[in-house]
Amino acid sequence: MAKRRDLVLEGNQEMTTLGAFLESYNKSIPAGFSQASSEDLKDFQKLHPTLFKNKDEWSIEKHRKRLMDWLPARR
């Protein structure tokens, strides 16, 4: 029997641009969480360079939780 593909997981693992990640992130965060800006994401990149092998590649799986934890401290 073939293993079923998890399309949500695959989408979350897909690498995307800063702009696409920003749009997806702000649409999907729970109510009460701060929305991110492009400036926030660029500062996050500078502070966490090891999370970015390629400068403008973001993924929900790799970056979303860390960004959610970091943003309140930034504010």
C-alpha atoms as a PDB file:
ATOM      1  CA  MET A   1       0.000   0.000   0.000  1.00  0.00           C
ATOM      2  CA  ALA A   2       1.363   3.383  -0.999  1.00  0.00           C
ATOM      3  CA  LYS A   3       1.986   5.977   1.674  1.00  0.00           C
ATOM      4  CA  ARG A   4      -0.413   8.940   1.495  1.00  0.00           C
ATOM      5  CA  ARG A   5       1.103  12.331   0.890  1.00  0.00           C
ATOM      6  CA  ASP A   6       0.577  14.973   3.531  1.00  0.00           C
ATOM      7  CA  LEU A   7      -0.054  18.041   1.397  1.00  0.00           C
ATOM      8  CA  VAL A   8      -0.235  20.412   4.370  1.00  0.00           C
ATOM      9  CA  LEU A   9       3.145  19.223   5.641  1.00  0.00           C
ATOM     10  CA  GLU A  10       4.630  19.484   2.165  1.00  0.00           C
ATOM     11  CA  GLY A  11       3.316  23.038   1.847  1.00  0.00           C
ATOM     12  CA  ASN A  12       4.758  23.968   5.240  1.00  0.00           C
ATOM     13  CA  GLN A  13       8.156  22.568   4.275  1.00  0.00           C
ATOM     14  CA  GLU A  14       8.241  24.327   0.918  1.00  0.00           C
ATOM     15  CA  MET A  15      10.779  27.117   0.696  1.00  0.00           C
ATOM     16  CA  THR A  16       9.367  30.487  -0.285  1.00  0.00           C
ATOM     17  CA  THR A  17      10.320  34.156  -0.500  1.00  0.00           C
ATOM     18  CA  LEU A  18      10.205  36.632   2.363  1.00  0.00           C
ATOM     19  CA  GLY A  19       7.127  38.309   0.861  1.00  0.00           C
ATOM     20  CA  ALA A  20       5.197  35.070   0.420  1.00  0.00           C
ATOM     21  CA  PHE A  21       6.150  33.904   3.918  1.00  0.00           C
ATOM     22  CA  LEU A  22       5.061  37.243   5.398  1.00  0.00           C
ATOM     23  CA  GLU A  23       1.652  37.038   3.735  1.00  0.00           C
ATOM     24  CA  SER A  24       1.125  33.422   4.794  1.00  0.00           C
ATOM     25  CA  TYR A  25       2.346  34.061   8.337  1.00  0.00           C
ATOM     26  CA  ASN A  26       0.082  37.064   8.911  1.00  0.00           C
ATOM     27  CA  LYS A  27      -2.959  35.195   7.537  1.00  0.00           C
ATOM     28  CA  SER A  28      -2.386  32.124   9.702  1.00  0.00           C
ATOM     29  CA  ILE A  29      -1.328  33.409  13.126  1.00  0.00           C
ATOM     30  CA  PRO A  30      -3.834  33.049  15.969  1.00  0.00           C
ATOM     31  CA  ALA A  31      -5.836  36.061  17.122  1.00  0.00           C
ATOM     32  CA  GLY A  32      -3.920  38.085  19.675  1.00  0.00           C
ATOM     33  CA  PHE A  33      -0.497  37.462  18.141  1.00  0.00           C
ATOM     34  CA  SER A  34       1.415  40.356  16.623  1.00  0.00           C
ATOM     35  CA  GLN A  35       1.523  40.525  12.868  1.00  0.00           C
ATOM     36  CA  ALA A  36       4.961  40.716  11.304  1.00  0.00           C
ATOM     37  CA  SER A  37       6.347  43.300   8.909  1.00  0.00           C
ATOM     38  CA  SER A  38       9.056  43.005   6.274  1.00  0.00           C
ATOM     39  CA  GLU A  39      11.351  44.910   8.624  1.00  0.00           C
ATOM     40  CA  ASP A  40      10.663  42.354  11.386  1.00  0.00           C
ATOM     41  CA  LEU A  41      11.554  39.486   9.080  1.00  0.00           C
ATOM     42  CA  LYS A  42      14.756  41.147   7.888  1.00  0.00           C
ATOM     43  CA  ASP A  43      15.839  41.781  11.489  1.00  0.00           C
ATOM     44  CA  PHE A  44      14.995  38.173  12.389  1.00  0.00           C
ATOM     45  CA  GLN A  45      17.192  37.005   9.498  1.00  0.00           C
ATOM     46  CA  LYS A  46      20.104  39.120  10.726  1.00  0.00           C
ATOM     47  CA  LEU A  47      19.806  37.785  14.274  1.00  0.00           C
ATOM     48  CA  HIS A  48      19.415  34.127  13.200  1.00  0.00           C
ATOM     49  CA  PRO A  49      21.699  33.638  10.180  1.00  0.00           C
ATOM     50  CA  THR A  50      22.087  29.903  10.798  1.00  0.00           C
ATOM     51  CA  LEU A  51      18.388  29.421   9.982  1.00  0.00           C
ATOM     52  CA  PHE A  52      18.946  30.756   6.463  1.00  0.00           C
ATOM     53  CA  LYS A  53      21.171  28.827   4.089  1.00  0.00           C
ATOM     54  CA  ASN A  54      19.917  31.001   1.250  1.00  0.00           C
ATOM     55  CA  LYS A  55      19.160  34.612   2.158  1.00  0.00           C
ATOM     56  CA  ASP A  56      15.570  34.811   0.935  1.00  0.00           C
ATOM     57  CA  GLU A  57      14.263  31.313   1.604  1.00  0.00           C
ATOM     58  CA  TRP A  58      11.647  30.917   4.295  1.00  0.00           C
ATOM     59  CA  SER A  59       9.401  28.013   5.290  1.00  0.00           C
ATOM     60  CA  ILE A  60       6.480  27.792   7.683  1.00  0.00           C
ATOM     61  CA  GLU A  61       7.906  24.639   9.268  1.00  0.00           C
ATOM     62  CA  LYS A  62      11.372  26.045   9.903  1.00  0.00           C
ATOM     63  CA  HIS A  63      10.693  29.684  10.761  1.00  0.00           C
ATOM     64  CA  ARG A  64       7.083  30.250  11.931  1.00  0.00           C
ATOM     65  CA  LYS A  65       7.363  29.051  15.549  1.00  0.00           C
ATOM     66  CA  ARG A  66      10.709  30.757  16.094  1.00  0.00           C
ATOM     67  CA  LEU A  67       9.363  34.016  14.687  1.00  0.00           C
ATOM     68  CA  MET A  68       6.247  33.771  16.878  1.00  0.00           C
ATOM     69  CA  ASP A  69       8.478  33.365  19.946  1.00  0.00           C
ATOM     70  CA  TRP A  70      10.803  36.208  18.920  1.00  0.00           C
ATOM     71  CA  LEU A  71       8.287  38.877  17.873  1.00  0.00           C
ATOM     72  CA  PRO A  72       6.797  39.672  21.326  1.00  0.00           C
ATOM     73  CA  ALA A  73      10.287  40.318  22.731  1.00  0.00           C
ATOM     74  CA  ARG A  74      10.948  42.688  19.801  1.00  0.00           C
ATOM     75  CA  ARG A  75       7.862  44.737  20.552  1.00  0.00           C
END
